[in-house]
Amino acid sequence: MPAETTYLELSENSGSAHKFYEVTIDGTELTIRYGRIGDRGQVKTSSFTTDAKAKAEAAKKIGEKVRKGYATAVIGQTAPRSITRRQIVSTRSTAKSAPVLWRYKTGSPAFGVFVDDEVCMVGNEAGVITTLNHQAQVQQQFRLPDGVKCIVADDRWIYAGCDDGNVYDLSGKVPRLAYRIAPEIDIYWLDIHDGVLGVSDADGGIAAIDHEDEFLWQRKGRGSSAWMVRCDDNAVHHGHSAGVTSYDWRTGKELWHTGTRGSVLFGWQERDTVYAGTSDRRVVELGKDGRDRQTYLCDAAVFSCAAAEDGRYVFAGDSSSSVYCFDANGTRLWKLSTGCGSAYSMQYHDEKLYIVTTDGSLACIDASEQAIQAAVSGTVPVAVDVKAPPRMAQVAPSTTVEIVTDPADGIIVECVEESGRLRIRVVTDGYHGDWQVQFPKGIRESGTRYVVTGVREASRGGFYRAYGEIRRLR
């Protein structure tokens, strides 16, 4: 008998992710393919002892999806989600060269950068994330299903947001799906704070999404093309074509709005300050009450900016392959050429400026006073070109978990179905059994128990966040 295939898609008006689910029965073999519409997706194949058992399992899987809102569809009739990538027509800088200590070429334009005391991470348009140590040695690579928009840290968790609308947790040994963003949102930028995801979009909209992918609120912003979103304990700061607007993180109520002379193309924040890079060659510093504090003038449109921890230095990257440093009073201290394209994004850490660029490089620039003075005088170090080890394995997102019979000293959590959605609760004594647990999406199975390294209460309370390794308890 020919193979029988059932193809389902999740209805867009449900407000959920843009997904498909395909079930194929070929004799005793059952094949399930699933993922984002427009992608190849993931494939799982199982064998059964009889045709009847294969059909029964297929009927069960299809029934589960239909109850969650999936419906039969025709492959190819639903368009993939809209994707907008930042474009810079980069020109060569005429400034003297910056003191680049090392650079790593990823192979395609790079947008995501994250740096802390332990590692440097870069994510590019091809979906590859590379981790290096501070000795410029490549340690690990992840391959995500689509281009990386940004890499953000939230307490001990590190997340990568992708063009496909998925946000992956990179804190464990393998990437795990943490958030799915509704398909109607053409994502420009995102940020995460205490489990709350802020998303800005092509139409200038802004949304706050909780740890279970549910909208806290969503609203049209004051402008369009919103390239900036930064989240903190109190607010979501949104930068767009008309300036910067701040919203209460819980309700979406507008707290303040400050106009800018040009469109906001990038944003950075410190504890009490927001920095907006604009198309009219400025970095605008605002207090978190919306008041203008300082302006830093560049020579071309500003596509990235950052600041030292106490704001004593402010950095900018323009569309002409230059980087700048200013003091807190707005005085330009230097302008230097990157030598590797315009900086899509940047981060300052421990007297070094890390940039990711239009030619796909992660570059480490010595931003110490001594090194910059030497560079302005024309003396720069010979940059080290870093290479990844040949045939280095690239770890892909996974829904596979190790099975154990003993929880040892881990925390036991359980997956339960509530109103058609799978939730995670803590089973181990001493925790709030009615609180939800932020937990990877792709590995949840109703009635299954898992062992996690630990759970941490969100700083605002109300739910837990699982961290460390995840194993299935048999």
Protein backbone atom coordinates (compact mmCIF):
# COMPACT_ATOMS: atom_id res chain seq x y z
CA MET A 1 0.00 0.00 0.00
CA PRO A 2 1.22 3.54 -0.70
CA ALA A 3 2.30 5.70 2.19
CA GLU A 4 -0.39 7.84 3.86
CA THR A 5 0.50 11.42 4.81
CA THR A 6 -1.41 13.88 7.00
CA TYR A 7 -0.16 17.47 6.95
CA LEU A 8 -1.27 19.97 9.62
CA GLU A 9 -0.53 23.61 10.33
CA LEU A 10 -1.22 25.71 13.40
CA SER A 11 -3.80 28.39 12.62
CA GLU A 12 -2.23 31.87 12.59
CA ASN A 13 -5.23 33.46 14.28
CA SER A 14 -4.55 31.35 17.34
CA GLY A 15 -1.72 33.74 18.18
CA SER A 16 0.74 30.86 18.48
CA ALA A 17 3.82 29.97 16.51
CA HIS A 18 3.91 29.47 12.74
CA LYS A 19 4.31 25.67 12.75
CA PHE A 20 3.55 22.52 10.76
CA TYR A 21 3.20 18.86 11.75
CA GLU A 22 3.35 16.05 9.17
CA VAL A 23 2.59 12.38 9.87
CA THR A 24 3.43 9.67 7.34
CA ILE A 25 2.53 5.97 7.69
CA ASP A 26 4.35 3.48 5.46
CA GLY A 27 3.46 -0.01 6.59
CA THR A 28 4.86 -0.48 10.07
CA GLU A 29 6.96 2.69 9.89
CA LEU A 30 5.75 6.03 11.27
CA THR A 31 7.58 9.25 10.28
CA ILE A 32 6.85 12.60 11.90
CA ARG A 33 8.23 15.84 10.48
CA TYR A 34 7.64 19.12 12.34
CA GLY A 35 8.97 22.64 12.64
CA ARG A 36 8.48 26.21 11.45
CA ILE A 37 6.53 26.75 8.21
CA GLY A 38 9.04 27.31 5.42
CA ASP A 39 11.77 25.23 7.07
CA ARG A 40 12.70 21.59 6.50
CA GLY A 41 12.03 20.90 10.17
CA GLN A 42 13.02 17.93 12.30
CA VAL A 43 12.25 14.31 11.45
CA LYS A 44 11.56 11.36 13.77
CA THR A 45 10.95 7.81 12.53
CA SER A 46 9.59 4.92 14.59
CA SER A 47 8.92 1.27 13.72
CA PHE A 48 6.09 -0.88 15.06
CA THR A 49 5.38 -4.61 15.02
CA THR A 50 2.18 -4.25 12.98
CA ASP A 51 0.55 -1.80 10.56
CA ALA A 52 -2.36 -1.40 12.99
CA LYS A 53 -0.08 -0.25 15.80
CA ALA A 54 1.59 2.29 13.52
CA LYS A 55 -1.81 3.67 12.47
CA ALA A 56 -3.01 3.83 16.08
CA GLU A 57 0.06 5.83 17.12
CA ALA A 58 -0.38 8.14 14.12
CA ALA A 59 -4.03 8.76 15.03
CA LYS A 60 -2.98 9.56 18.60
CA LYS A 61 -0.35 12.09 17.49
CA ILE A 62 -2.72 13.76 15.02
CA GLY A 63 -5.44 13.97 17.66
CA GLU A 64 -3.10 15.65 20.11
CA LYS A 65 -2.20 18.33 17.56
CA VAL A 66 -5.79 18.94 16.45
CA ARG A 67 -6.79 19.53 20.07
CA LYS A 68 -4.06 22.18 20.26
CA GLY A 69 -5.42 24.08 17.26
CA TYR A 70 -3.69 22.44 14.31
CA ALA A 71 -5.76 21.91 11.14
CA THR A 72 -5.24 20.11 7.82
CA ALA A 73 -3.50 22.25 5.22
CA VAL A 74 -1.74 22.13 1.86
CA ILE A 75 2.05 22.32 1.83
CA GLY A 76 3.30 25.57 0.34
CA GLN A 77 0.10 27.60 0.59
CA THR A 78 1.13 29.36 3.82
CA ALA A 79 4.03 31.75 3.39
CA PRO A 80 7.00 31.63 5.77
CA ARG A 81 7.25 34.43 8.33
CA SER A 82 8.66 37.76 7.17
CA ILE A 83 12.34 38.29 7.83
CA THR A 84 14.09 41.67 7.78
CA ARG A 85 17.85 41.81 8.11
CA ARG A 86 19.77 44.98 8.74
CA GLN A 87 21.61 46.23 5.68
CA ILE A 88 24.55 48.63 5.64
CA VAL A 89 26.16 49.88 2.46
CA SER A 90 29.53 50.01 4.16
CA THR A 91 32.26 52.34 2.94
CA ARG A 92 35.92 52.31 3.78
CA SER A 93 37.03 54.45 6.69
CA THR A 94 39.73 57.04 6.11
CA ALA A 95 40.67 57.08 9.79
CA LYS A 96 43.79 55.51 11.21
CA SER A 97 43.56 51.84 12.13
CA ALA A 98 42.19 50.72 15.47
CA PRO A 99 44.43 48.52 17.69
CA VAL A 100 42.74 45.23 16.79
CA LEU A 101 44.25 42.46 18.92
CA TRP A 102 42.52 39.59 17.14
CA ARG A 103 39.69 38.90 14.74
CA TYR A 104 37.69 35.83 13.87
CA LYS A 105 35.89 35.65 10.52
CA THR A 106 32.63 33.73 10.71
CA GLY A 107 31.94 33.59 6.97
CA SER A 108 28.79 35.75 6.77
CA PRO A 109 27.59 39.08 8.22
CA ALA A 110 27.51 38.91 12.03
CA PHE A 111 24.89 40.52 14.27
CA GLY A 112 25.03 38.84 17.68
CA VAL A 113 27.76 39.43 20.25
CA PHE A 114 28.03 38.53 23.91
CA VAL A 115 31.05 38.93 26.20
CA ASP A 116 31.54 38.21 29.89
CA ASP A 117 34.46 37.28 32.14
CA GLU A 118 34.65 33.78 30.67
CA VAL A 119 33.76 33.83 26.97
CA CYS A 120 33.17 35.82 23.80
CA MET A 121 30.31 34.73 21.52
CA VAL A 122 29.43 35.72 17.97
CA GLY A 123 26.37 34.75 15.93
CA ASN A 124 26.05 35.28 12.18
CA GLU A 125 23.49 35.36 9.38
CA ALA A 126 24.14 31.69 8.61
CA GLY A 127 22.93 30.65 12.07
CA VAL A 128 26.37 29.72 13.41
CA ILE A 129 27.33 30.78 16.94
CA THR A 130 30.99 30.50 17.91
CA THR A 131 32.32 30.66 21.46
CA LEU A 132 35.90 31.80 22.10
CA ASN A 133 37.83 32.30 25.30
CA HIS A 134 39.72 35.49 26.09
CA GLN A 135 42.89 33.96 24.73
CA ALA A 136 41.15 33.99 21.32
CA GLN A 137 40.81 30.21 21.13
CA VAL A 138 37.67 28.77 19.53
CA GLN A 139 36.00 26.48 22.04
CA GLN A 140 32.58 25.54 20.69
CA GLN A 141 30.13 26.10 17.86
CA PHE A 142 26.35 25.88 17.71
CA ARG A 143 24.34 25.72 14.50
CA LEU A 144 20.86 27.18 14.77
CA PRO A 145 18.16 26.74 12.11
CA ASP A 146 18.21 30.36 10.92
CA GLY A 147 20.19 33.58 11.05
CA VAL A 148 21.13 34.94 14.48
CA LYS A 149 19.69 38.39 15.21
CA CYS A 150 21.21 38.90 18.63
CA ILE A 151 22.69 37.19 21.68
CA VAL A 152 21.51 38.42 25.08
CA ALA A 153 22.24 37.50 28.69
CA ASP A 154 19.61 37.24 31.41
CA ASP A 155 21.18 36.47 34.78
CA ARG A 156 22.88 33.08 34.30
CA TRP A 157 21.06 32.31 31.04
CA ILE A 158 22.30 33.17 27.55
CA TYR A 159 19.81 33.33 24.68
CA ALA A 160 20.07 33.67 20.91
CA GLY A 161 17.19 35.12 18.90
CA CYS A 162 16.85 33.90 15.32
CA ASP A 163 15.18 35.04 12.11
CA ASP A 164 12.76 32.09 12.33
CA GLY A 165 11.13 33.60 15.42
CA ASN A 166 12.67 31.11 17.83
CA VAL A 167 14.79 32.04 20.83
CA TYR A 168 17.24 29.37 22.00
CA ASP A 169 18.76 28.87 25.44
CA LEU A 170 22.52 28.38 25.04
CA SER A 171 23.26 27.80 28.71
CA GLY A 172 23.50 23.99 28.55
CA LYS A 173 25.47 21.51 26.48
CA VAL A 174 23.02 21.78 23.57
CA PRO A 175 20.72 24.64 22.49
CA ARG A 176 17.13 24.26 23.71
CA LEU A 177 14.07 26.07 22.37
CA ALA A 178 13.03 28.66 24.96
CA TYR A 179 10.54 30.98 23.18
CA ARG A 180 8.47 30.94 20.00
CA ILE A 181 7.49 34.39 18.75
CA ALA A 182 4.16 34.77 16.94
CA PRO A 183 4.53 34.69 13.13
CA GLU A 184 2.86 38.05 12.49
CA ILE A 185 5.83 39.78 14.13
CA ASP A 186 8.64 40.66 11.69
CA ILE A 187 11.35 40.78 14.34
CA TYR A 188 13.91 43.57 14.29
CA TRP A 189 15.43 43.17 17.75
CA LEU A 190 14.80 41.56 21.11
CA ASP A 191 15.97 41.58 24.71
CA ILE A 192 15.22 39.45 27.78
CA HIS A 193 15.10 40.38 31.45
CA ASP A 194 14.01 38.08 34.26
CA GLY A 195 12.32 35.75 31.79
CA VAL A 196 10.27 38.51 30.10
CA LEU A 197 11.00 38.86 26.39
CA GLY A 198 10.77 42.28 24.71
CA VAL A 199 10.36 42.24 20.91
CA SER A 200 10.45 45.17 18.50
CA ASP A 201 9.31 44.81 14.90
CA ALA A 202 9.35 46.19 11.37
CA ASP A 203 6.15 48.19 11.84
CA GLY A 204 7.43 49.93 14.94
CA GLY A 205 5.45 47.71 17.26
CA ILE A 206 6.56 46.49 20.67
CA ALA A 207 5.50 43.45 22.68
CA ALA A 208 6.31 41.88 26.03
CA ILE A 209 6.09 38.08 26.16
CA ASP A 210 6.20 36.00 29.33
CA HIS A 211 8.13 32.82 30.07
CA GLU A 212 5.40 30.67 28.47
CA ASP A 213 5.23 32.56 25.13
CA GLU A 214 2.06 34.38 26.16
CA PHE A 215 1.71 38.10 25.49
CA LEU A 216 1.77 40.30 28.55
CA TRP A 217 0.90 43.07 26.12
CA GLN A 218 1.41 44.16 22.52
CA ARG A 219 0.99 47.61 21.05
CA LYS A 220 1.75 49.83 18.10
CA GLY A 221 4.66 52.14 18.79
CA ARG A 222 5.00 55.82 17.95
CA GLY A 223 7.20 55.21 14.91
CA SER A 224 8.29 52.51 12.47
CA SER A 225 11.36 50.30 11.95
CA ALA A 226 12.05 49.63 15.62
CA TRP A 227 15.69 48.54 15.87
CA MET A 228 16.00 49.03 19.63
CA VAL A 229 14.51 47.23 22.60
CA ARG A 230 16.11 47.10 26.06
CA CYS A 231 14.45 45.62 29.14
CA ASP A 232 15.12 46.21 32.85
CA ASP A 233 13.38 45.71 36.21
CA ASN A 234 10.80 48.41 35.53
CA ALA A 235 10.41 49.04 31.83
CA VAL A 236 10.81 48.09 28.19
CA HIS A 237 12.70 50.84 26.33
CA HIS A 238 11.77 51.01 22.66
CA GLY A 239 13.71 52.87 19.95
CA HIS A 240 12.15 53.55 16.51
CA SER A 241 11.92 56.13 13.72
CA ALA A 242 10.41 58.77 16.03
CA GLY A 243 12.69 58.40 19.05
CA VAL A 244 12.68 56.38 22.27
CA THR A 245 9.56 55.37 24.20
CA SER A 246 9.50 53.61 27.55
CA TYR A 247 6.69 51.28 28.68
CA ASP A 248 5.80 49.63 31.97
CA TRP A 249 6.99 46.04 31.56
CA ARG A 250 3.88 44.54 33.14
CA THR A 251 1.03 46.59 31.63
CA GLY A 252 2.47 48.24 28.52
CA LYS A 253 1.46 51.68 29.78
CA GLU A 254 3.59 54.42 28.23
CA LEU A 255 5.90 55.95 30.83
CA TRP A 256 7.61 58.56 28.65
CA HIS A 257 8.62 59.41 25.09
CA THR A 258 11.60 61.43 23.88
CA GLY A 259 11.99 62.34 20.21
CA THR A 260 15.29 62.09 18.34
CA ARG A 261 16.42 64.00 15.25
CA GLY A 262 17.01 60.77 13.33
CA SER A 263 15.66 57.23 13.43
CA VAL A 264 16.98 55.03 16.22
CA LEU A 265 19.13 52.27 14.72
CA PHE A 266 20.55 50.65 17.87
CA GLY A 267 20.22 50.80 21.63
CA TRP A 268 22.31 50.18 24.71
CA GLN A 269 21.55 50.57 28.41
CA GLU A 270 23.30 50.92 31.72
CA ARG A 271 21.66 50.97 35.15
CA ASP A 272 20.23 54.51 34.97
CA THR A 273 20.82 55.36 31.32
CA VAL A 274 19.68 54.50 27.80
CA TYR A 275 21.85 55.15 24.75
CA ALA A 276 20.33 55.37 21.25
CA GLY A 277 22.40 55.35 18.08
CA THR A 278 20.64 57.32 15.34
CA SER A 279 20.62 57.84 11.58
CA ASP A 280 21.61 61.50 11.97
CA ARG A 281 25.11 60.56 13.23
CA ARG A 282 24.42 60.82 16.94
CA VAL A 283 24.41 58.71 20.05
CA VAL A 284 21.75 60.18 22.31
CA GLU A 285 22.04 59.55 26.05
CA LEU A 286 18.77 59.59 28.00
CA GLY A 287 18.05 59.09 31.65
CA LYS A 288 15.54 56.39 32.42
CA ASP A 289 13.09 59.19 33.14
CA GLY A 290 13.30 60.23 29.48
CA ARG A 291 15.37 63.36 30.04
CA ASP A 292 18.16 64.26 27.61
CA ARG A 293 21.56 63.92 29.24
CA GLN A 294 24.21 64.09 26.53
CA THR A 295 24.80 63.82 22.79
CA TYR A 296 27.80 62.23 21.09
CA LEU A 297 28.37 63.30 17.47
CA CYS A 298 29.83 60.95 14.84
CA ASP A 299 30.53 61.49 11.12
CA ALA A 300 28.04 58.96 9.68
CA ALA A 301 24.90 57.06 10.69
CA VAL A 302 25.38 55.15 13.96
CA PHE A 303 24.58 51.44 13.68
CA SER A 304 25.88 50.33 17.08
CA CYS A 305 26.84 51.79 20.43
CA ALA A 306 27.96 50.71 23.90
CA ALA A 307 29.25 52.21 27.13
CA ALA A 308 31.66 51.45 29.92
CA GLU A 309 30.00 50.23 33.11
CA ASP A 310 29.88 53.64 34.79
CA GLY A 311 29.31 55.60 31.56
CA ARG A 312 32.73 57.19 31.67
CA TYR A 313 33.27 56.19 28.04
CA VAL A 314 30.72 55.87 25.24
CA PHE A 315 31.50 53.98 22.03
CA ALA A 316 29.87 54.05 18.61
CA GLY A 317 30.19 52.25 15.28
CA ASP A 318 29.15 54.00 12.06
CA SER A 319 28.19 52.93 8.55
CA SER A 320 31.64 53.88 7.23
CA SER A 321 33.67 51.23 9.09
CA SER A 322 34.77 53.57 11.88
CA VAL A 323 34.52 53.24 15.64
CA TYR A 324 34.50 56.14 18.10
CA CYS A 325 35.15 56.78 21.77
CA PHE A 326 33.75 59.75 23.74
CA ASP A 327 34.11 60.83 27.32
CA ALA A 328 31.08 61.37 29.54
CA ASN A 329 30.98 65.07 28.59
CA GLY A 330 30.46 64.28 24.90
CA THR A 331 34.03 65.05 23.83
CA ARG A 332 35.28 62.81 21.03
CA LEU A 333 38.49 61.17 22.16
CA TRP A 334 39.19 59.19 19.01
CA LYS A 335 37.88 57.85 15.71
CA LEU A 336 39.57 54.79 14.22
CA SER A 337 39.04 52.35 11.36
CA THR A 338 37.92 48.79 12.13
CA GLY A 339 39.67 47.32 9.09
CA CYS A 340 36.93 44.68 8.85
CA GLY A 341 33.72 46.49 7.93
CA SER A 342 31.04 48.38 9.82
CA ALA A 343 30.03 47.28 13.29
CA TYR A 344 26.50 45.85 13.36
CA SER A 345 26.79 45.44 17.13
CA MET A 346 29.33 45.95 19.90
CA GLN A 347 30.07 45.38 23.56
CA TYR A 348 32.66 46.89 25.92
CA HIS A 349 34.32 44.66 28.50
CA ASP A 350 37.47 45.05 30.60
CA GLU A 351 39.08 47.85 28.53
CA LYS A 352 38.35 46.06 25.26
CA LEU A 353 35.76 46.81 22.62
CA TYR A 354 34.27 43.78 20.87
CA ILE A 355 32.53 44.38 17.54
CA VAL A 356 30.74 42.13 15.04
CA THR A 357 30.75 43.42 11.50
CA THR A 358 29.37 43.46 7.99
CA ASP A 359 32.14 41.16 6.74
CA GLY A 360 31.30 38.61 9.45
CA SER A 361 34.17 39.32 11.81
CA LEU A 362 34.29 39.32 15.58
CA ALA A 363 37.10 41.74 16.38
CA CYS A 364 38.67 42.53 19.74
CA ILE A 365 39.96 46.12 19.95
CA ASP A 366 42.30 47.22 22.74
CA ALA A 367 40.44 50.21 24.19
CA SER A 368 42.94 50.97 26.93
CA GLU A 369 44.23 54.54 27.06
CA GLN A 370 47.78 53.51 26.23
CA ALA A 371 46.78 51.42 23.20
CA ILE A 372 44.50 54.11 21.79
CA GLN A 373 47.13 56.84 22.17
CA ALA A 374 49.58 54.64 20.28
CA ALA A 375 46.97 53.95 17.56
CA VAL A 376 46.23 57.66 17.10
CA SER A 377 49.98 58.12 16.60
CA GLY A 378 49.91 55.35 13.97
CA THR A 379 51.28 52.44 16.01
CA VAL A 380 49.00 49.39 16.19
CA PRO A 381 49.63 45.72 16.96
CA VAL A 382 49.55 43.07 14.26
CA ALA A 383 46.10 41.54 14.53
CA VAL A 384 45.94 37.78 15.02
CA ASP A 385 43.61 36.01 12.60
CA VAL A 386 41.86 33.32 14.61
CA LYS A 387 40.78 30.06 12.99
CA ALA A 388 38.38 27.41 14.22
CA PRO A 389 39.84 23.89 14.48
CA PRO A 390 39.29 21.92 11.25
CA ARG A 391 36.08 19.86 11.12
CA MET A 392 34.88 21.29 14.42
CA ALA A 393 31.50 19.84 15.41
CA GLN A 394 28.58 22.27 15.36
CA VAL A 395 26.01 21.41 18.02
CA ALA A 396 22.42 21.78 16.78
CA PRO A 397 19.28 22.32 18.88
CA SER A 398 18.01 19.05 20.26
CA THR A 399 14.86 17.52 21.70
CA THR A 400 16.77 14.47 22.94
CA VAL A 401 17.39 14.09 26.68
CA GLU A 402 19.32 11.54 28.67
CA ILE A 403 17.18 9.01 30.59
CA VAL A 404 18.00 8.31 34.24
CA THR A 405 16.41 6.24 36.98
CA ASP A 406 17.89 8.08 39.95
CA PRO A 407 17.36 11.83 40.45
CA ALA A 408 20.49 11.99 42.63
CA ASP A 409 20.63 15.54 44.03
CA GLY A 410 18.68 17.14 41.17
CA ILE A 411 15.26 18.81 41.27
CA ILE A 412 12.31 16.80 39.95
CA VAL A 413 9.76 18.59 37.75
CA GLU A 414 6.72 17.20 35.96
CA CYS A 415 4.98 18.05 32.68
CA VAL A 416 1.20 18.38 32.97
CA GLU A 417 -1.46 19.37 30.44
CA GLU A 418 -3.63 22.35 31.40
CA SER A 419 -6.26 23.78 29.05
CA GLY A 420 -4.54 22.26 26.04
CA ARG A 421 -1.05 23.54 26.96
CA LEU A 422 1.87 21.68 28.47
CA ARG A 423 3.12 23.20 31.71
CA ILE A 424 5.99 22.29 34.04
CA ARG A 425 5.62 22.12 37.84
CA VAL A 426 8.15 21.34 40.59
CA VAL A 427 7.55 18.01 42.33
CA THR A 428 10.45 18.11 44.79
CA ASP A 429 9.45 19.19 48.31
CA GLY A 430 10.19 22.71 49.46
CA TYR A 431 8.99 24.54 46.34
CA HIS A 432 5.72 26.15 45.25
CA GLY A 433 3.95 23.26 43.55
CA ASP A 434 1.48 25.59 41.81
CA TRP A 435 4.11 27.78 40.16
CA GLN A 436 5.06 27.26 36.53
CA VAL A 437 8.64 26.49 35.55
CA GLN A 438 10.31 28.05 32.53
CA PHE A 439 11.48 24.97 30.67
CA PRO A 440 12.47 24.15 27.04
CA LYS A 441 9.51 23.79 24.70
CA GLY A 442 10.54 20.96 22.39
CA ILE A 443 11.11 18.29 25.04
CA ARG A 444 7.84 18.58 27.00
CA GLU A 445 5.73 15.42 27.14
CA SER A 446 2.56 15.21 29.21
CA GLY A 447 2.91 13.03 32.31
CA THR A 448 6.72 12.90 32.07
CA ARG A 449 9.03 13.76 34.92
CA TYR A 450 12.44 15.35 34.46
CA VAL A 451 15.48 15.99 36.63
CA VAL A 452 17.12 19.40 36.34
CA THR A 453 20.28 20.72 37.97
CA GLY A 454 18.29 23.39 39.74
CA VAL A 455 15.47 25.92 39.60
CA ARG A 456 15.67 29.59 40.52
CA GLU A 457 12.79 31.85 41.46
CA ALA A 458 12.34 34.76 39.07
CA SER A 459 13.43 37.98 40.75
CA ARG A 460 9.88 39.32 40.45
CA GLY A 461 8.53 36.03 41.83
CA GLY A 462 5.62 33.95 40.56
CA PHE A 463 7.50 31.29 38.58
CA TYR A 464 10.72 29.30 38.50
CA ARG A 465 13.43 29.05 35.86
CA ALA A 466 15.15 25.71 35.29
CA TYR A 467 18.90 25.76 34.71
CA GLY A 468 21.72 23.33 34.05
CA GLU A 469 21.35 19.88 32.56
CA ILE A 470 17.98 18.25 31.89
CA ARG A 471 17.39 14.48 32.10
CA ARG A 472 14.25 12.41 31.76
CA LEU A 473 13.29 10.40 34.82
CA ARG A 474 12.13 6.87 34.14
